[in-house]
Every structure is written in structure tokens, then in C-alpha cells.
Amino acid sequence: MPSLRKRERAHVGAKSITRVAALRSATATFTAKTGTAKAKAAPRRAKTPYRADPKKAISVMAWIEDAFGHVLLVKQERTGMWALPGGKVRSKESLLGALRREVKEELGVEIDVATPIDLYDRPQKEAFALLFRVILRHKVKMAKAKSPKAIFTPRAGEIAACLFHRKLPVETTPSLAFFWKRAQRTFEPLALFR
């Protein structure tokens, strides 16, 4: 059986641990008379909706211009709306890798240079689109061809048409409308840099 002094030291040690814990705790107050900690009720907070792992769908789009500053658009067969070439990024895929894959799938051409120039965030849809200025590898072929049909081979079943446009078409996707409007104000047309 432990001696009286050992029991007293153990009791004093427990009290000092209780005091330190009480001083560190934001919800407990320490009373000097008894040396014990009294728990104070924490203020109630309003419940807010919280998601532990929010995820957004990421899309990449290509801004491709010809020598006259006309922008290449694709008409989606499913919706009948005009959009910029591009699509969603797959899991564990890089942004440039996704852009190269989508342009190759939709237009049948390779990308030479791609530079990010704008971002369109759509919080209500839990998605955002990243716009890249793109220069294609087939410059000589584009200069000799008289129509985009001779240059591009759109994927059947997904793309109804692909054409260079000088003005924004009537039926467009929200992302195309956003980027087109921003292009008029924020970034220079690629034709000015040639």
C-alpha cells in the first residue's frame, strides 16, 4: 500500500493537471477557492451546410484564330449550340493533356502552343472552364485551304460543324458567350501578334 505522502503527491499532481487543462480550455473557468475547473456552456452556433470534400468539374477550351482574327467554333450535334473546342478534364489528367486530347478528338489536329488566358467560374453548376489561346501545328495547310472542312475532321456524332466566326452566333453555350464578351475587352486578338 502506498504511503500517505505518495498519495498526496499523486493528488496534487492530478490537481495541477486539472488546473493547466482548465487554463488552456476556452470553455472552462477556474475557481480559486476550490481549485477545480467548472465547465462553461459553449455558445451555440447556427448550423451551416458544410461539405467535407467539395469538387468542381474542370473544363478546358481552345481559343483558335485564323489570320483575320476569326475564332474557330464547333457546333455540338446533341444541343445544336455553338461552342469553343474543348471538354472536361478526366481524373488524374493534366490540363494541357486534356486540351490536346479534346482538340485532337473534336477537330483531328495537333496543338503546337497553348497558353492559359482566362477563367470562367460557375459556382452554381460546381464547374469552371479554363480558356487557352492555341496555335495549331498545321499552319501551312491552313493557309492553302479554302474552307475549314478541308482542314478539320470533326468527330461524327458529336460535332455537327466547325467554322471560323467573326461575330458571336445566336445559339451559344454560356461559356462561349462569357469568353467572347471578355475577349472584346480584356485580351488582344491573336491576329495582332503575327
C-alpha atoms as a PDB file:
ATOM      1  CA  MET A   1       0.000   0.000   0.000  1.00  0.00           C
ATOM      2  CA  PRO A   2       1.444   3.393  -0.985  1.00  0.00           C
ATOM      3  CA  SER A   3       2.401   5.741   1.797  1.00  0.00           C
ATOM      4  CA  LEU A   4       0.353   8.820   2.644  1.00  0.00           C
ATOM      5  CA  ARG A   5       2.903  11.202   1.095  1.00  0.00           C
ATOM      6  CA  LYS A   6       2.871   9.367  -2.242  1.00  0.00           C
ATOM      7  CA  ARG A   7      -0.941   9.547  -2.329  1.00  0.00           C
ATOM      8  CA  GLU A   8      -0.831  13.277  -1.530  1.00  0.00           C
ATOM      9  CA  ARG A   9       1.707  13.932  -4.304  1.00  0.00           C
ATOM     10  CA  ALA A  10      -0.411  11.986  -6.771  1.00  0.00           C
ATOM     11  CA  HIS A  11      -3.472  14.001  -5.708  1.00  0.00           C
ATOM     12  CA  VAL A  12      -1.578  17.313  -6.018  1.00  0.00           C
ATOM     13  CA  GLY A  13      -0.279  16.237  -9.432  1.00  0.00           C
ATOM     14  CA  ALA A  14      -3.802  15.493 -10.614  1.00  0.00           C
ATOM     15  CA  LYS A  15      -4.982  18.923  -9.391  1.00  0.00           C
ATOM     16  CA  SER A  16      -2.178  20.729 -11.235  1.00  0.00           C
ATOM     17  CA  ILE A  17      -3.015  18.832 -14.412  1.00  0.00           C
ATOM     18  CA  THR A  18      -6.659  19.830 -13.955  1.00  0.00           C
ATOM     19  CA  ARG A  19      -5.651  23.477 -13.439  1.00  0.00           C
ATOM     20  CA  VAL A  20      -3.472  23.522 -16.576  1.00  0.00           C
ATOM     21  CA  ALA A  21      -6.204  21.888 -18.619  1.00  0.00           C
ATOM     22  CA  ALA A  22      -8.723  24.413 -17.297  1.00  0.00           C
ATOM     23  CA  LEU A  23      -6.473  27.352 -18.169  1.00  0.00           C
ATOM     24  CA  ARG A  24      -5.933  26.055 -21.688  1.00  0.00           C
ATOM     25  CA  SER A  25      -9.592  25.334 -22.321  1.00  0.00           C
ATOM     26  CA  ALA A  26     -11.708  28.153 -23.742  1.00  0.00           C
ATOM     27  CA  THR A  27     -14.937  26.682 -22.389  1.00  0.00           C
ATOM     28  CA  ALA A  28     -13.886  26.137 -18.751  1.00  0.00           C
ATOM     29  CA  THR A  29     -13.318  28.633 -15.919  1.00  0.00           C
ATOM     30  CA  PHE A  30     -11.051  28.069 -12.952  1.00  0.00           C
ATOM     31  CA  THR A  31     -12.238  28.792  -9.397  1.00  0.00           C
ATOM     32  CA  ALA A  32      -9.505  29.840  -6.968  1.00  0.00           C
ATOM     33  CA  LYS A  33     -11.300  28.748  -3.763  1.00  0.00           C
ATOM     34  CA  THR A  34     -11.759  25.080  -4.556  1.00  0.00           C
ATOM     35  CA  GLY A  35      -9.062  24.675  -7.204  1.00  0.00           C
ATOM     36  CA  THR A  36     -11.426  22.885  -9.563  1.00  0.00           C
ATOM     37  CA  ALA A  37     -12.462  23.666 -13.082  1.00  0.00           C
ATOM     38  CA  LYS A  38     -16.066  24.436 -13.895  1.00  0.00           C
ATOM     39  CA  ALA A  39     -17.205  23.815 -17.431  1.00  0.00           C
ATOM     40  CA  LYS A  40     -18.963  26.747 -19.005  1.00  0.00           C
ATOM     41  CA  ALA A  41     -21.601  26.101 -21.644  1.00  0.00           C
ATOM     42  CA  ALA A  42     -20.270  26.835 -25.108  1.00  0.00           C
ATOM     43  CA  PRO A  43     -22.328  29.290 -27.155  1.00  0.00           C
ATOM     44  CA  ARG A  44     -24.490  27.566 -29.731  1.00  0.00           C
ATOM     45  CA  ARG A  45     -23.722  28.221 -33.344  1.00  0.00           C
ATOM     46  CA  ALA A  46     -26.173  28.129 -36.186  1.00  0.00           C
ATOM     47  CA  LYS A  47     -25.820  25.017 -38.295  1.00  0.00           C
ATOM     48  CA  THR A  48     -24.332  25.740 -41.674  1.00  0.00           C
ATOM     49  CA  PRO A  49     -24.306  23.327 -44.560  1.00  0.00           C
ATOM     50  CA  TYR A  50     -20.783  22.027 -44.992  1.00  0.00           C
ATOM     51  CA  ARG A  51     -19.347  19.573 -47.440  1.00  0.00           C
ATOM     52  CA  ALA A  52     -16.145  17.940 -46.392  1.00  0.00           C
ATOM     53  CA  ASP A  53     -14.919  17.300 -49.932  1.00  0.00           C
ATOM     54  CA  PRO A  54     -16.257  19.842 -52.461  1.00  0.00           C
ATOM     55  CA  LYS A  55     -15.331  19.050 -56.062  1.00  0.00           C
ATOM     56  CA  LYS A  56     -15.707  21.110 -59.204  1.00  0.00           C
ATOM     57  CA  ALA A  57     -15.829  19.849 -62.746  1.00  0.00           C
ATOM     58  CA  ILE A  58     -12.971  21.326 -64.769  1.00  0.00           C
ATOM     59  CA  SER A  59     -13.260  22.054 -68.483  1.00  0.00           C
ATOM     60  CA  VAL A  60     -10.586  23.253 -70.891  1.00  0.00           C
ATOM     61  CA  MET A  61     -11.358  25.239 -74.045  1.00  0.00           C
ATOM     62  CA  ALA A  62      -9.318  26.370 -77.042  1.00  0.00           C
ATOM     63  CA  TRP A  63      -9.370  29.893 -78.491  1.00  0.00           C
ATOM     64  CA  ILE A  64      -8.164  29.334 -82.067  1.00  0.00           C
ATOM     65  CA  GLU A  65      -7.980  32.254 -84.517  1.00  0.00           C
ATOM     66  CA  ASP A  66      -7.186  32.437 -88.206  1.00  0.00           C
ATOM     67  CA  ALA A  67      -5.020  35.158 -89.787  1.00  0.00           C
ATOM     68  CA  PHE A  68      -8.027  37.523 -89.935  1.00  0.00           C
ATOM     69  CA  GLY A  69      -8.948  37.247 -86.248  1.00  0.00           C
ATOM     70  CA  HIS A  70     -11.943  34.945 -86.801  1.00  0.00           C
ATOM     71  CA  VAL A  71     -12.473  32.417 -83.999  1.00  0.00           C
ATOM     72  CA  LEU A  72     -12.957  28.698 -84.628  1.00  0.00           C
ATOM     73  CA  LEU A  73     -16.213  27.377 -83.158  1.00  0.00           C
ATOM     74  CA  VAL A  74     -17.777  23.924 -83.193  1.00  0.00           C
ATOM     75  CA  LYS A  75     -21.492  23.208 -83.372  1.00  0.00           C
ATOM     76  CA  GLN A  76     -22.493  20.496 -80.946  1.00  0.00           C
ATOM     77  CA  GLU A  77     -24.681  17.908 -82.598  1.00  0.00           C
ATOM     78  CA  ARG A  78     -26.549  16.990 -79.415  1.00  0.00           C
ATOM     79  CA  THR A  79     -27.643  20.530 -78.450  1.00  0.00           C
ATOM     80  CA  GLY A  80     -27.248  22.443 -81.708  1.00  0.00           C
ATOM     81  CA  MET A  81     -25.296  25.164 -79.878  1.00  0.00           C
ATOM     82  CA  TRP A  82     -22.006  26.717 -80.892  1.00  0.00           C
ATOM     83  CA  ALA A  83     -19.075  26.303 -78.500  1.00  0.00           C
ATOM     84  CA  LEU A  84     -15.315  26.563 -78.327  1.00  0.00           C
ATOM     85  CA  PRO A  85     -13.436  23.309 -78.949  1.00  0.00           C
ATOM     86  CA  GLY A  86     -12.669  21.523 -75.689  1.00  0.00           C
ATOM     87  CA  GLY A  87     -14.218  19.467 -72.934  1.00  0.00           C
ATOM     88  CA  LYS A  88     -13.933  18.078 -69.421  1.00  0.00           C
ATOM     89  CA  VAL A  89     -10.684  17.083 -67.752  1.00  0.00           C
ATOM     90  CA  ARG A  90     -10.541  13.437 -66.740  1.00  0.00           C
ATOM     91  CA  SER A  91      -9.353  12.221 -63.353  1.00  0.00           C
ATOM     92  CA  LYS A  92      -5.541  12.355 -62.977  1.00  0.00           C
ATOM     93  CA  GLU A  93      -5.160  14.137 -66.341  1.00  0.00           C
ATOM     94  CA  SER A  94      -3.192  17.365 -66.769  1.00  0.00           C
ATOM     95  CA  LEU A  95      -4.923  20.460 -68.120  1.00  0.00           C
ATOM     96  CA  LEU A  96      -2.715  20.626 -71.217  1.00  0.00           C
ATOM     97  CA  GLY A  97      -3.093  16.890 -71.748  1.00  0.00           C
ATOM     98  CA  ALA A  98      -6.879  17.228 -71.637  1.00  0.00           C
ATOM     99  CA  LEU A  99      -6.785  20.175 -74.047  1.00  0.00           C
ATOM    100  CA  ARG A 100      -4.596  18.278 -76.520  1.00  0.00           C
ATOM    101  CA  ARG A 101      -6.848  15.223 -76.300  1.00  0.00           C
ATOM    102  CA  GLU A 102     -10.079  17.198 -76.765  1.00  0.00           C
ATOM    103  CA  VAL A 103      -8.790  19.219 -79.743  1.00  0.00           C
ATOM    104  CA  LYS A 104      -7.460  16.043 -81.365  1.00  0.00           C
ATOM    105  CA  GLU A 105     -10.792  14.241 -80.784  1.00  0.00           C
ATOM    106  CA  GLU A 106     -13.037  17.103 -81.928  1.00  0.00           C
ATOM    107  CA  LEU A 107     -11.001  18.598 -84.785  1.00  0.00           C
ATOM    108  CA  GLY A 108      -8.436  15.962 -85.719  1.00  0.00           C
ATOM    109  CA  VAL A 109      -5.451  18.355 -85.430  1.00  0.00           C
ATOM    110  CA  GLU A 110      -2.480  18.701 -83.091  1.00  0.00           C
ATOM    111  CA  ILE A 111      -1.731  21.680 -80.827  1.00  0.00           C
ATOM    112  CA  ASP A 112       1.615  23.438 -81.241  1.00  0.00           C
ATOM    113  CA  VAL A 113       1.354  26.081 -78.472  1.00  0.00           C
ATOM    114  CA  ALA A 114      -1.258  26.571 -75.727  1.00  0.00           C
ATOM    115  CA  THR A 115      -1.275  29.413 -73.196  1.00  0.00           C
ATOM    116  CA  PRO A 116      -3.934  29.926 -70.477  1.00  0.00           C
ATOM    117  CA  ILE A 117      -5.627  33.315 -70.849  1.00  0.00           C
ATOM    118  CA  ASP A 118      -8.930  33.322 -68.944  1.00  0.00           C
ATOM    119  CA  LEU A 119     -11.103  31.506 -66.397  1.00  0.00           C
ATOM    120  CA  TYR A 120     -14.888  31.159 -66.154  1.00  0.00           C
ATOM    121  CA  ASP A 121     -16.118  30.092 -62.715  1.00  0.00           C
ATOM    122  CA  ARG A 122     -19.677  28.756 -62.414  1.00  0.00           C
ATOM    123  CA  PRO A 123     -20.268  28.106 -58.688  1.00  0.00           C
ATOM    124  CA  GLN A 124     -23.967  27.293 -59.153  1.00  0.00           C
ATOM    125  CA  LYS A 125     -23.008  24.472 -61.556  1.00  0.00           C
ATOM    126  CA  GLU A 126     -19.968  23.463 -59.451  1.00  0.00           C
ATOM    127  CA  ALA A 127     -17.753  23.832 -62.503  1.00  0.00           C
ATOM    128  CA  PHE A 128     -15.215  26.110 -64.090  1.00  0.00           C
ATOM    129  CA  ALA A 129     -13.688  26.409 -67.534  1.00  0.00           C
ATOM    130  CA  LEU A 130     -10.131  27.397 -68.343  1.00  0.00           C
ATOM    131  CA  LEU A 131      -9.547  29.092 -71.710  1.00  0.00           C
ATOM    132  CA  PHE A 132      -6.291  28.565 -73.618  1.00  0.00           C
ATOM    133  CA  ARG A 133      -5.027  30.550 -76.603  1.00  0.00           C
ATOM    134  CA  VAL A 134      -3.993  27.845 -79.057  1.00  0.00           C
ATOM    135  CA  ILE A 135      -1.801  27.760 -82.140  1.00  0.00           C
ATOM    136  CA  LEU A 136      -2.169  24.640 -84.274  1.00  0.00           C
ATOM    137  CA  ARG A 137       0.655  22.707 -85.943  1.00  0.00           C
ATOM    138  CA  HIS A 138      -0.903  22.788 -89.410  1.00  0.00           C
ATOM    139  CA  LYS A 139      -0.160  26.423 -90.352  1.00  0.00           C
ATOM    140  CA  VAL A 140       0.829  25.704 -93.979  1.00  0.00           C
ATOM    141  CA  LYS A 141      -2.208  23.521 -94.532  1.00  0.00           C
ATOM    142  CA  MET A 142      -4.484  26.214 -93.069  1.00  0.00           C
ATOM    143  CA  ALA A 143      -3.041  28.902 -95.346  1.00  0.00           C
ATOM    144  CA  LYS A 144      -3.633  26.830 -98.510  1.00  0.00           C
ATOM    145  CA  ALA A 145      -7.089  25.511 -97.590  1.00  0.00           C
ATOM    146  CA  LYS A 146     -10.127  27.493 -98.723  1.00  0.00           C
ATOM    147  CA  SER A 147     -12.572  26.177 -96.103  1.00  0.00           C
ATOM    148  CA  PRO A 148     -12.314  24.742 -92.586  1.00  0.00           C
ATOM    149  CA  LYS A 149     -13.797  21.460 -93.850  1.00  0.00           C
ATOM    150  CA  ALA A 150     -10.566  20.840 -95.770  1.00  0.00           C
ATOM    151  CA  ILE A 151      -8.515  21.339 -92.574  1.00  0.00           C
ATOM    152  CA  PHE A 152     -10.542  19.789 -89.770  1.00  0.00           C
ATOM    153  CA  THR A 153     -12.105  16.364 -89.441  1.00  0.00           C
ATOM    154  CA  PRO A 154     -14.760  16.746 -86.736  1.00  0.00           C
ATOM    155  CA  ARG A 155     -15.836  13.678 -84.808  1.00  0.00           C
ATOM    156  CA  ALA A 156     -19.054  12.192 -86.209  1.00  0.00           C
ATOM    157  CA  GLY A 157     -21.909  12.027 -83.723  1.00  0.00           C
ATOM    158  CA  GLU A 158     -20.511  14.798 -81.525  1.00  0.00           C
ATOM    159  CA  ILE A 159     -19.634  17.757 -83.777  1.00  0.00           C
ATOM    160  CA  ALA A 160     -22.077  18.847 -86.496  1.00  0.00           C
ATOM    161  CA  ALA A 161     -19.865  21.599 -87.961  1.00  0.00           C
ATOM    162  CA  CYS A 162     -16.739  23.633 -87.312  1.00  0.00           C
ATOM    163  CA  LEU A 163     -16.338  27.127 -88.769  1.00  0.00           C
ATOM    164  CA  PHE A 164     -14.403  30.327 -88.191  1.00  0.00           C
ATOM    165  CA  HIS A 165     -16.715  33.108 -86.949  1.00  0.00           C
ATOM    166  CA  ARG A 166     -16.231  36.856 -86.949  1.00  0.00           C
ATOM    167  CA  LYS A 167     -19.328  37.524 -84.819  1.00  0.00           C
ATOM    168  CA  LEU A 168     -20.876  35.615 -81.954  1.00  0.00           C
ATOM    169  CA  PRO A 169     -23.588  33.235 -83.230  1.00  0.00           C
ATOM    170  CA  VAL A 170     -27.104  33.369 -81.753  1.00  0.00           C
ATOM    171  CA  GLU A 171     -27.205  29.920 -80.160  1.00  0.00           C
ATOM    172  CA  THR A 172     -24.114  29.640 -77.973  1.00  0.00           C
ATOM    173  CA  THR A 173     -23.087  27.940 -74.764  1.00  0.00           C
ATOM    174  CA  PRO A 174     -22.779  30.154 -71.657  1.00  0.00           C
ATOM    175  CA  SER A 175     -19.019  29.678 -71.560  1.00  0.00           C
ATOM    176  CA  LEU A 176     -18.603  30.818 -75.190  1.00  0.00           C
ATOM    177  CA  ALA A 177     -20.769  33.892 -74.555  1.00  0.00           C
ATOM    178  CA  PHE A 178     -18.707  34.730 -71.454  1.00  0.00           C
ATOM    179  CA  PHE A 179     -15.313  34.314 -73.153  1.00  0.00           C
ATOM    180  CA  TRP A 180     -16.438  36.155 -76.307  1.00  0.00           C
ATOM    181  CA  LYS A 181     -17.598  39.137 -74.257  1.00  0.00           C
ATOM    182  CA  ARG A 182     -14.351  39.150 -72.259  1.00  0.00           C
ATOM    183  CA  ALA A 183     -12.279  38.898 -75.446  1.00  0.00           C
ATOM    184  CA  GLN A 184     -13.715  42.201 -76.633  1.00  0.00           C
ATOM    185  CA  ARG A 185     -12.356  43.928 -73.512  1.00  0.00           C
ATOM    186  CA  THR A 186      -9.508  42.033 -71.885  1.00  0.00           C
ATOM    187  CA  PHE A 187      -7.186  40.229 -74.271  1.00  0.00           C
ATOM    188  CA  GLU A 188      -5.855  41.215 -77.661  1.00  0.00           C
ATOM    189  CA  PRO A 189      -6.804  39.144 -80.702  1.00  0.00           C
ATOM    190  CA  LEU A 190      -4.073  36.734 -81.714  1.00  0.00           C
ATOM    191  CA  ALA A 191      -4.029  38.253 -85.229  1.00  0.00           C
ATOM    192  CA  LEU A 192      -2.347  41.389 -83.802  1.00  0.00           C
ATOM    193  CA  PHE A 193       0.702  39.373 -82.663  1.00  0.00           C
ATOM    194  CA  ARG A 194       1.574  37.905 -86.072  1.00  0.00           C
END
